[in-house]
Amino acid sequence: MKYDQEIIIAPIITEKTTSIKNTTNSYTFKVSVNANKIEIQKAIEKIFNVNVLNVNTIRQQGKVKRMGRFTGKRADWKKAIVKLKEGDSISDFES
């Protein structure tokens, strides 16, 4: 069993996500790679006490980075774009 805090890692706040929030009432989160859409929806509804209409997920591949002659790879991660019911909002994004 996964806890809600393990599924939702952090909000993603950029210029693009802020414009999406203002136009479509959608919020973007960094989530666990193993989480599915249903788990993400239930976690958001429980943590923030809002109604979720749909969830879109995107798997991001980690970039290959070099340090001198050594190469390494950043970790793969997943983000979720969560659309809320009209009138609902998450106060953490407002500040």
C-alpha atoms as a PDB file:
ATOM      1  CA  MET A   1       0.000   0.000   0.000  1.00  0.00           C
ATOM      2  CA  LYS A   2       1.311   3.413  -0.981  1.00  0.00           C
ATOM      3  CA  TYR A   3       0.798   6.482   1.161  1.00  0.00           C
ATOM      4  CA  ASP A   4      -0.472   9.676  -0.445  1.00  0.00           C
ATOM      5  CA  GLN A   5       2.746  11.515   0.423  1.00  0.00           C
ATOM      6  CA  GLU A   6       4.760   8.848  -1.429  1.00  0.00           C
ATOM      7  CA  ILE A   7       2.654   9.277  -4.582  1.00  0.00           C
ATOM      8  CA  ILE A   8       2.683  13.099  -4.766  1.00  0.00           C
ATOM      9  CA  ILE A   9       6.300  14.257  -4.535  1.00  0.00           C
ATOM     10  CA  ALA A  10       6.171  17.992  -5.311  1.00  0.00           C
ATOM     11  CA  PRO A  11       4.246  20.628  -7.272  1.00  0.00           C
ATOM     12  CA  ILE A  12       5.812  21.901 -10.488  1.00  0.00           C
ATOM     13  CA  ILE A  13       5.568  25.681 -10.717  1.00  0.00           C
ATOM     14  CA  THR A  14       6.824  27.233 -13.957  1.00  0.00           C
ATOM     15  CA  GLU A  15       5.523  29.880 -16.342  1.00  0.00           C
ATOM     16  CA  LYS A  16       3.918  27.211 -18.518  1.00  0.00           C
ATOM     17  CA  THR A  17       2.177  25.399 -15.642  1.00  0.00           C
ATOM     18  CA  THR A  18       0.942  28.724 -14.269  1.00  0.00           C
ATOM     19  CA  SER A  19      -0.646  29.604 -17.621  1.00  0.00           C
ATOM     20  CA  ILE A  20      -2.241  26.143 -17.802  1.00  0.00           C
ATOM     21  CA  LYS A  21      -3.588  26.646 -14.267  1.00  0.00           C
ATOM     22  CA  ASN A  22      -5.138  29.986 -15.180  1.00  0.00           C
ATOM     23  CA  THR A  23      -6.769  28.818 -18.426  1.00  0.00           C
ATOM     24  CA  THR A  24      -7.920  25.248 -17.754  1.00  0.00           C
ATOM     25  CA  ASN A  25      -7.868  24.926 -13.921  1.00  0.00           C
ATOM     26  CA  SER A  26      -5.163  22.228 -14.193  1.00  0.00           C
ATOM     27  CA  TYR A  27      -2.293  21.731 -11.771  1.00  0.00           C
ATOM     28  CA  THR A  28       1.012  19.948 -12.383  1.00  0.00           C
ATOM     29  CA  PHE A  29       2.772  17.661  -9.918  1.00  0.00           C
ATOM     30  CA  LYS A  30       5.899  15.529  -9.833  1.00  0.00           C
ATOM     31  CA  VAL A  31       4.682  12.049  -8.889  1.00  0.00           C
ATOM     32  CA  SER A  32       6.103   8.619  -8.197  1.00  0.00           C
ATOM     33  CA  VAL A  33       7.169   6.677 -11.298  1.00  0.00           C
ATOM     34  CA  ASN A  34       5.163   3.656 -10.107  1.00  0.00           C
ATOM     35  CA  ALA A  35       1.908   5.554  -9.476  1.00  0.00           C
ATOM     36  CA  ASN A  36      -1.026   5.137 -11.846  1.00  0.00           C
ATOM     37  CA  LYS A  37      -3.754   7.661 -12.695  1.00  0.00           C
ATOM     38  CA  ILE A  38      -6.288   6.284 -10.210  1.00  0.00           C
ATOM     39  CA  GLU A  39      -3.802   6.437  -7.312  1.00  0.00           C
ATOM     40  CA  ILE A  40      -2.822   9.979  -8.280  1.00  0.00           C
ATOM     41  CA  GLN A  41      -6.467  11.073  -8.438  1.00  0.00           C
ATOM     42  CA  LYS A  42      -7.297   9.614  -5.021  1.00  0.00           C
ATOM     43  CA  ALA A  43      -4.163  11.119  -3.442  1.00  0.00           C
ATOM     44  CA  ILE A  44      -4.898  14.628  -4.794  1.00  0.00           C
ATOM     45  CA  GLU A  45      -8.520  14.449  -3.672  1.00  0.00           C
ATOM     46  CA  LYS A  46      -7.512  13.288  -0.182  1.00  0.00           C
ATOM     47  CA  ILE A  47      -4.583  15.691   0.388  1.00  0.00           C
ATOM     48  CA  PHE A  48      -6.122  18.895  -1.023  1.00  0.00           C
ATOM     49  CA  ASN A  49      -9.852  18.131  -0.538  1.00  0.00           C
ATOM     50  CA  VAL A  50     -10.821  18.894  -4.170  1.00  0.00           C
ATOM     51  CA  ASN A  51     -12.702  17.081  -6.952  1.00  0.00           C
ATOM     52  CA  VAL A  52     -10.522  15.788  -9.807  1.00  0.00           C
ATOM     53  CA  LEU A  53     -12.035  15.508 -13.299  1.00  0.00           C
ATOM     54  CA  ASN A  54      -9.126  13.797 -15.088  1.00  0.00           C
ATOM     55  CA  VAL A  55      -5.427  13.032 -14.826  1.00  0.00           C
ATOM     56  CA  ASN A  56      -2.838  13.054 -17.625  1.00  0.00           C
ATOM     57  CA  THR A  57       0.588  11.552 -16.963  1.00  0.00           C
ATOM     58  CA  ILE A  58       3.905  12.051 -18.734  1.00  0.00           C
ATOM     59  CA  ARG A  59       7.038   9.952 -18.233  1.00  0.00           C
ATOM     60  CA  GLN A  60      10.212  12.028 -18.512  1.00  0.00           C
ATOM     61  CA  GLN A  61      13.474  10.271 -19.363  1.00  0.00           C
ATOM     62  CA  GLY A  62      16.531  11.376 -17.395  1.00  0.00           C
ATOM     63  CA  LYS A  63      19.171  13.285 -19.323  1.00  0.00           C
ATOM     64  CA  VAL A  64      22.683  11.993 -19.875  1.00  0.00           C
ATOM     65  CA  LYS A  65      25.120  14.419 -18.251  1.00  0.00           C
ATOM     66  CA  ARG A  66      28.909  14.628 -18.372  1.00  0.00           C
ATOM     67  CA  MET A  67      31.426  15.748 -15.795  1.00  0.00           C
ATOM     68  CA  GLY A  68      34.754  15.872 -17.512  1.00  0.00           C
ATOM     69  CA  ARG A  69      35.327  12.483 -19.064  1.00  0.00           C
ATOM     70  CA  PHE A  70      32.749  10.721 -16.888  1.00  0.00           C
ATOM     71  CA  THR A  71      29.149  10.330 -17.962  1.00  0.00           C
ATOM     72  CA  GLY A  72      26.132   9.775 -15.789  1.00  0.00           C
ATOM     73  CA  LYS A  73      22.368   9.793 -16.102  1.00  0.00           C
ATOM     74  CA  ARG A  74      19.761  11.713 -14.187  1.00  0.00           C
ATOM     75  CA  ALA A  75      16.858   9.721 -12.788  1.00  0.00           C
ATOM     76  CA  ASP A  76      13.690   9.127 -14.816  1.00  0.00           C
ATOM     77  CA  TRP A  77      10.606  10.841 -13.388  1.00  0.00           C
ATOM     78  CA  LYS A  78       6.898  11.227 -13.969  1.00  0.00           C
ATOM     79  CA  LYS A  79       4.646  14.271 -13.927  1.00  0.00           C
ATOM     80  CA  ALA A  80       0.888  14.459 -13.706  1.00  0.00           C
ATOM     81  CA  ILE A  81      -1.398  17.202 -14.984  1.00  0.00           C
ATOM     82  CA  VAL A  82      -4.536  17.164 -12.845  1.00  0.00           C
ATOM     83  CA  LYS A  83      -7.703  18.953 -13.992  1.00  0.00           C
ATOM     84  CA  LEU A  84     -10.006  20.057 -11.195  1.00  0.00           C
ATOM     85  CA  LYS A  85     -13.734  20.666 -11.118  1.00  0.00           C
ATOM     86  CA  GLU A  86     -14.778  24.254 -11.878  1.00  0.00           C
ATOM     87  CA  GLY A  87     -14.632  26.327  -8.707  1.00  0.00           C
ATOM     88  CA  ASP A  88     -12.053  24.132  -6.942  1.00  0.00           C
ATOM     89  CA  SER A  89      -8.509  25.343  -6.432  1.00  0.00           C
ATOM     90  CA  ILE A  90      -5.382  24.398  -4.524  1.00  0.00           C
ATOM     91  CA  SER A  91      -4.199  27.153  -2.206  1.00  0.00           C
ATOM     92  CA  ASP A  92      -0.533  26.039  -2.240  1.00  0.00           C
ATOM     93  CA  PHE A  93      -0.209  27.201  -5.850  1.00  0.00           C
ATOM     94  CA  GLU A  94      -1.664  30.644  -5.210  1.00  0.00           C
ATOM     95  CA  SER A  95       1.263  31.976  -3.187  1.00  0.00           C
END
